[in-house]
C-alpha cells in the first residue's frame, strides 16, 4: 500500500514539475512581449523562489537514492507539498503578470 502511495506522489511531482516549467516560461514570455525588462517585485519574488526551489528539489531527489527507506516517504511528501505550493504561486504570478501587462 505504501509503495502505491509513493508512486502516486511521485507521479504528481512529475506532473507538477511540467506545469512549473510551463508557467515559468509563460511568465518570462509575458514580460518580454510587454516590453518590460524587469518583472514587478511580486513576480520577481516568485521567480526567485522557483529558481531556488529547482536547485533544492534536485538535492532532495538525489537524497532519495542515499537515504534509508524509512525516510523516503517523508521526503517524497515534503517534495510534493513544496512543489504544489511553488506551482500555485507561479500560476498566481502568471495571472497577475497577464493582468498588469494588459493595461
N, C-alpha and C. Protein backbone atom coordinates (compact mmCIF):
# COMPACT_ATOMS: atom_id res chain seq x y z
N UNK A 1 0.82 -1.19 0.00
CA UNK A 1 0.00 0.00 0.00
C UNK A 1 0.87 1.26 0.00
N UNK A 2 1.94 1.24 0.79
CA UNK A 2 2.83 2.40 0.87
C UNK A 2 3.51 2.65 -0.47
N UNK A 3 3.86 1.57 -1.17
CA UNK A 3 4.51 1.73 -2.47
C UNK A 3 3.60 2.41 -3.47
N UNK A 4 2.33 2.06 -3.46
CA UNK A 4 1.37 2.70 -4.36
C UNK A 4 1.24 4.18 -4.03
N UNK A 5 1.19 4.49 -2.75
CA UNK A 5 1.12 5.89 -2.32
C UNK A 5 2.33 6.67 -2.80
N UNK A 6 3.51 6.10 -2.67
CA UNK A 6 4.73 6.77 -3.10
C UNK A 6 4.80 6.93 -4.61
N UNK A 7 4.30 5.95 -5.33
CA UNK A 7 4.25 6.04 -6.79
C UNK A 7 3.30 7.15 -7.22
N UNK A 8 2.16 7.25 -6.56
CA UNK A 8 1.20 8.31 -6.87
C UNK A 8 1.80 9.69 -6.57
N UNK A 9 2.45 9.84 -5.44
CA UNK A 9 3.08 11.11 -5.09
C UNK A 9 4.19 11.47 -6.07
N UNK A 10 4.94 10.49 -6.48
CA UNK A 10 6.00 10.74 -7.46
C UNK A 10 5.42 11.17 -8.80
N UNK A 11 4.33 10.54 -9.22
CA UNK A 11 3.66 10.94 -10.47
C UNK A 11 3.12 12.36 -10.36
N UNK A 12 2.54 12.70 -9.22
CA UNK A 12 2.05 14.06 -9.01
C UNK A 12 3.20 15.05 -9.08
N UNK A 13 4.34 14.72 -8.47
CA UNK A 13 5.51 15.59 -8.52
C UNK A 13 5.97 15.81 -9.95
N UNK A 14 6.01 14.78 -10.75
CA UNK A 14 6.45 14.90 -12.14
C UNK A 14 5.49 15.77 -12.94
N UNK A 15 4.20 15.57 -12.76
CA UNK A 15 3.20 16.38 -13.46
C UNK A 15 3.32 17.84 -13.04
N UNK A 16 3.47 18.08 -11.74
CA UNK A 16 3.62 19.45 -11.25
C UNK A 16 4.90 20.08 -11.77
N UNK A 17 5.94 19.32 -11.92
CA UNK A 17 7.20 19.85 -12.46
C UNK A 17 7.02 20.34 -13.89
N UNK A 18 6.24 19.61 -14.66
CA UNK A 18 5.95 20.03 -16.03
C UNK A 18 5.20 21.36 -16.02
N UNK A 19 4.20 21.48 -15.15
CA UNK A 19 3.46 22.74 -15.07
C UNK A 19 4.33 23.87 -14.54
N UNK A 20 5.25 23.55 -13.64
CA UNK A 20 6.15 24.56 -13.09
C UNK A 20 6.99 25.19 -14.20
N UNK A 21 7.58 24.36 -15.04
CA UNK A 21 8.40 24.86 -16.14
C UNK A 21 7.54 25.65 -17.12
N UNK A 22 6.37 25.15 -17.39
CA UNK A 22 5.46 25.82 -18.32
C UNK A 22 5.06 27.20 -17.83
N UNK A 23 4.64 27.30 -16.58
CA UNK A 23 4.25 28.60 -16.02
C UNK A 23 5.43 29.55 -15.95
N UNK A 24 6.61 29.04 -15.61
CA UNK A 24 7.80 29.88 -15.53
C UNK A 24 8.09 30.53 -16.88
N UNK A 25 8.05 29.75 -17.94
CA UNK A 25 8.33 30.31 -19.27
C UNK A 25 7.20 31.21 -19.76
N UNK A 26 5.97 30.92 -19.36
CA UNK A 26 4.87 31.82 -19.73
C UNK A 26 5.05 33.18 -19.08
N UNK A 27 5.49 33.21 -17.83
CA UNK A 27 5.74 34.49 -17.15
C UNK A 27 6.84 35.24 -17.87
N UNK A 28 7.92 34.57 -18.20
CA UNK A 28 9.02 35.22 -18.93
C UNK A 28 8.53 35.78 -20.27
N UNK A 29 7.72 35.02 -20.97
CA UNK A 29 7.20 35.45 -22.26
C UNK A 29 6.30 36.66 -22.12
N UNK A 30 5.47 36.68 -21.11
CA UNK A 30 4.56 37.82 -20.89
C UNK A 30 5.36 39.10 -20.73
N UNK A 31 6.43 39.06 -19.95
CA UNK A 31 7.21 40.28 -19.71
C UNK A 31 8.06 40.67 -20.91
N UNK A 32 8.55 39.71 -21.67
CA UNK A 32 9.33 40.09 -22.85
C UNK A 32 8.43 40.66 -23.95
N UNK A 33 7.23 40.17 -24.07
CA UNK A 33 6.28 40.70 -25.06
C UNK A 33 5.77 42.08 -24.68
N UNK A 34 5.66 42.34 -23.39
CA UNK A 34 5.13 43.62 -22.93
C UNK A 34 6.17 44.73 -23.04
N UNK A 35 7.43 44.37 -23.20
CA UNK A 35 8.47 45.38 -23.32
C UNK A 35 9.12 45.73 -21.99
N UNK A 36 8.66 45.13 -20.91
CA UNK A 36 9.27 45.37 -19.61
C UNK A 36 10.55 44.55 -19.51
N UNK A 37 11.58 45.20 -19.10
CA UNK A 37 12.85 44.48 -18.94
C UNK A 37 12.89 43.70 -17.63
N UNK A 38 12.25 44.26 -16.60
CA UNK A 38 12.29 43.65 -15.28
C UNK A 38 10.86 43.41 -14.81
N UNK A 39 10.56 42.20 -14.33
CA UNK A 39 9.23 41.95 -13.77
C UNK A 39 8.99 42.76 -12.50
N UNK A 40 7.75 42.84 -12.10
CA UNK A 40 7.41 43.54 -10.86
C UNK A 40 8.02 42.79 -9.67
N UNK A 41 8.06 43.45 -8.52
CA UNK A 41 8.67 42.84 -7.34
C UNK A 41 7.96 41.55 -6.93
N UNK A 42 6.64 41.55 -7.04
CA UNK A 42 5.88 40.35 -6.66
C UNK A 42 6.26 39.17 -7.55
N UNK A 43 6.28 39.40 -8.84
CA UNK A 43 6.61 38.32 -9.78
C UNK A 43 8.08 37.95 -9.64
N UNK A 44 8.94 38.93 -9.43
CA UNK A 44 10.37 38.64 -9.26
C UNK A 44 10.61 37.76 -8.04
N UNK A 45 9.85 37.99 -6.97
CA UNK A 45 9.98 37.16 -5.77
C UNK A 45 9.62 35.71 -6.07
N UNK A 46 8.55 35.50 -6.82
CA UNK A 46 8.11 34.14 -7.17
C UNK A 46 9.15 33.48 -8.09
N UNK A 47 9.71 34.23 -9.01
CA UNK A 47 10.72 33.68 -9.91
C UNK A 47 11.96 33.27 -9.11
N UNK A 48 12.33 34.08 -8.14
CA UNK A 48 13.48 33.75 -7.28
C UNK A 48 13.21 32.48 -6.48
N UNK A 49 12.02 32.39 -5.91
CA UNK A 49 11.65 31.19 -5.15
C UNK A 49 11.68 29.96 -6.05
N UNK A 50 11.17 30.09 -7.26
CA UNK A 50 11.13 28.97 -8.18
C UNK A 50 12.54 28.53 -8.56
N UNK A 51 13.42 29.48 -8.79
CA UNK A 51 14.80 29.15 -9.15
C UNK A 51 15.51 28.44 -8.00
N UNK A 52 15.33 28.96 -6.80
CA UNK A 52 15.94 28.31 -5.64
C UNK A 52 15.37 26.92 -5.42
N UNK A 53 14.06 26.80 -5.56
CA UNK A 53 13.42 25.51 -5.36
C UNK A 53 13.89 24.48 -6.39
N UNK A 54 14.16 24.92 -7.60
CA UNK A 54 14.65 23.98 -8.62
C UNK A 54 15.94 23.31 -8.17
N UNK A 55 16.85 24.09 -7.62
CA UNK A 55 18.10 23.53 -7.13
C UNK A 55 17.88 22.66 -5.90
N UNK A 56 17.08 23.12 -4.99
CA UNK A 56 16.84 22.36 -3.76
C UNK A 56 16.13 21.04 -4.06
N UNK A 57 15.19 21.06 -5.00
CA UNK A 57 14.47 19.83 -5.33
C UNK A 57 15.41 18.78 -5.92
N UNK A 58 16.41 19.21 -6.70
CA UNK A 58 17.38 18.26 -7.22
C UNK A 58 18.18 17.63 -6.09
N UNK A 59 18.53 18.42 -5.10
CA UNK A 59 19.25 17.88 -3.95
C UNK A 59 18.39 16.86 -3.22
N UNK A 60 17.10 17.20 -3.01
CA UNK A 60 16.18 16.26 -2.37
C UNK A 60 16.03 14.98 -3.18
N UNK A 61 15.93 15.12 -4.49
CA UNK A 61 15.79 13.93 -5.33
C UNK A 61 17.02 13.04 -5.24
N UNK A 62 18.20 13.65 -5.19
CA UNK A 62 19.41 12.84 -5.04
C UNK A 62 19.46 12.17 -3.67
N UNK A 63 18.93 12.84 -2.65
CA UNK A 63 18.89 12.24 -1.31
C UNK A 63 18.00 10.99 -1.27
N UNK A 64 17.01 10.93 -2.14
CA UNK A 64 16.13 9.76 -2.18
C UNK A 64 16.91 8.48 -2.44
N UNK A 65 17.99 8.59 -3.21
CA UNK A 65 18.79 7.41 -3.53
C UNK A 65 19.76 7.04 -2.41
N UNK A 66 20.03 7.98 -1.50
CA UNK A 66 21.03 7.76 -0.47
C UNK A 66 20.39 7.40 0.88
N UNK A 67 19.27 8.01 1.17
CA UNK A 67 18.63 7.82 2.48
C UNK A 67 18.01 6.43 2.61
N UNK A 68 17.87 5.96 3.83
CA UNK A 68 17.18 4.69 4.06
C UNK A 68 15.70 4.78 3.67
N UNK A 69 15.08 3.64 3.49
CA UNK A 69 13.70 3.58 3.02
C UNK A 69 12.71 4.27 3.96
N UNK A 70 12.98 4.28 5.23
CA UNK A 70 12.00 4.87 6.15
C UNK A 70 11.90 6.39 5.99
N UNK A 71 12.92 7.03 5.42
CA UNK A 71 12.87 8.47 5.19
C UNK A 71 12.35 8.83 3.81
N UNK A 72 12.26 7.87 2.94
CA UNK A 72 11.84 8.12 1.56
C UNK A 72 10.42 8.67 1.50
N UNK A 73 9.51 8.08 2.24
CA UNK A 73 8.12 8.52 2.21
C UNK A 73 7.99 9.95 2.71
N UNK A 74 8.68 10.28 3.77
CA UNK A 74 8.62 11.64 4.31
C UNK A 74 9.19 12.63 3.31
N UNK A 75 10.30 12.28 2.70
CA UNK A 75 10.94 13.18 1.74
C UNK A 75 10.08 13.39 0.51
N UNK A 76 9.46 12.35 0.01
CA UNK A 76 8.59 12.49 -1.16
C UNK A 76 7.37 13.35 -0.82
N UNK A 77 6.83 13.19 0.37
CA UNK A 77 5.71 14.03 0.80
C UNK A 77 6.12 15.50 0.87
N UNK A 78 7.29 15.76 1.42
CA UNK A 78 7.76 17.15 1.53
C UNK A 78 8.02 17.74 0.15
N UNK A 79 8.67 16.98 -0.71
CA UNK A 79 8.95 17.46 -2.06
C UNK A 79 7.66 17.78 -2.80
N UNK A 80 6.69 16.90 -2.73
CA UNK A 80 5.42 17.10 -3.44
C UNK A 80 4.66 18.28 -2.86
N UNK A 81 4.67 18.44 -1.56
CA UNK A 81 3.98 19.57 -0.93
C UNK A 81 4.59 20.90 -1.35
N UNK A 82 5.90 20.99 -1.32
CA UNK A 82 6.56 22.24 -1.71
C UNK A 82 6.36 22.51 -3.20
N UNK A 83 6.43 21.48 -4.01
CA UNK A 83 6.22 21.63 -5.45
C UNK A 83 4.81 22.14 -5.74
N UNK A 84 3.83 21.64 -5.00
CA UNK A 84 2.45 22.11 -5.16
C UNK A 84 2.35 23.59 -4.83
N UNK A 85 2.99 24.01 -3.76
CA UNK A 85 2.96 25.42 -3.38
C UNK A 85 3.65 26.30 -4.43
N UNK A 86 4.79 25.86 -4.95
CA UNK A 86 5.51 26.63 -5.97
C UNK A 86 4.68 26.75 -7.24
N UNK A 87 4.05 25.68 -7.67
CA UNK A 87 3.21 25.72 -8.86
C UNK A 87 2.02 26.65 -8.64
N UNK A 88 1.43 26.61 -7.47
CA UNK A 88 0.31 27.50 -7.15
C UNK A 88 0.75 28.97 -7.22
N UNK A 89 1.91 29.27 -6.65
CA UNK A 89 2.42 30.64 -6.68
C UNK A 89 2.76 31.08 -8.11
N UNK A 90 3.33 30.19 -8.90
CA UNK A 90 3.63 30.52 -10.30
C UNK A 90 2.35 30.76 -11.09
N UNK A 91 1.33 29.98 -10.83
CA UNK A 91 0.04 30.17 -11.51
C UNK A 91 -0.52 31.55 -11.17
N UNK A 92 -0.48 31.91 -9.90
CA UNK A 92 -0.97 33.23 -9.49
C UNK A 92 -0.11 34.34 -10.08
N UNK A 93 1.19 34.16 -10.12
CA UNK A 93 2.09 35.17 -10.69
C UNK A 93 1.84 35.32 -12.19
N UNK A 94 1.56 34.23 -12.86
CA UNK A 94 1.26 34.32 -14.29
C UNK A 94 -0.01 35.11 -14.53
N UNK A 95 -1.05 34.83 -13.75
CA UNK A 95 -2.30 35.59 -13.88
C UNK A 95 -2.09 37.07 -13.55
N UNK A 96 -1.31 37.34 -12.51
CA UNK A 96 -1.01 38.73 -12.13
C UNK A 96 -0.23 39.44 -13.23
N UNK A 97 0.74 38.76 -13.80
CA UNK A 97 1.54 39.34 -14.89
C UNK A 97 0.67 39.63 -16.11
N UNK A 98 -0.26 38.75 -16.40
CA UNK A 98 -1.16 38.99 -17.53
C UNK A 98 -2.03 40.20 -17.26
N UNK A 99 -2.53 40.35 -16.05
CA UNK A 99 -3.40 41.47 -15.71
C UNK A 99 -2.67 42.80 -15.79
N UNK A 100 -1.48 42.88 -15.20
CA UNK A 100 -0.80 44.17 -15.18
C UNK A 100 -0.22 44.55 -16.54
N UNK A 101 0.00 43.59 -17.41
CA UNK A 101 0.56 43.90 -18.73
C UNK A 101 -0.52 44.13 -19.77
N UNK A 102 -1.78 43.95 -19.41
CA UNK A 102 -2.88 44.30 -20.32
C UNK A 102 -3.14 45.80 -20.30
N UNK A 103 -2.74 46.44 -19.21
CA UNK A 103 -3.01 47.87 -19.06
C UNK A 103 -2.17 48.71 -19.99
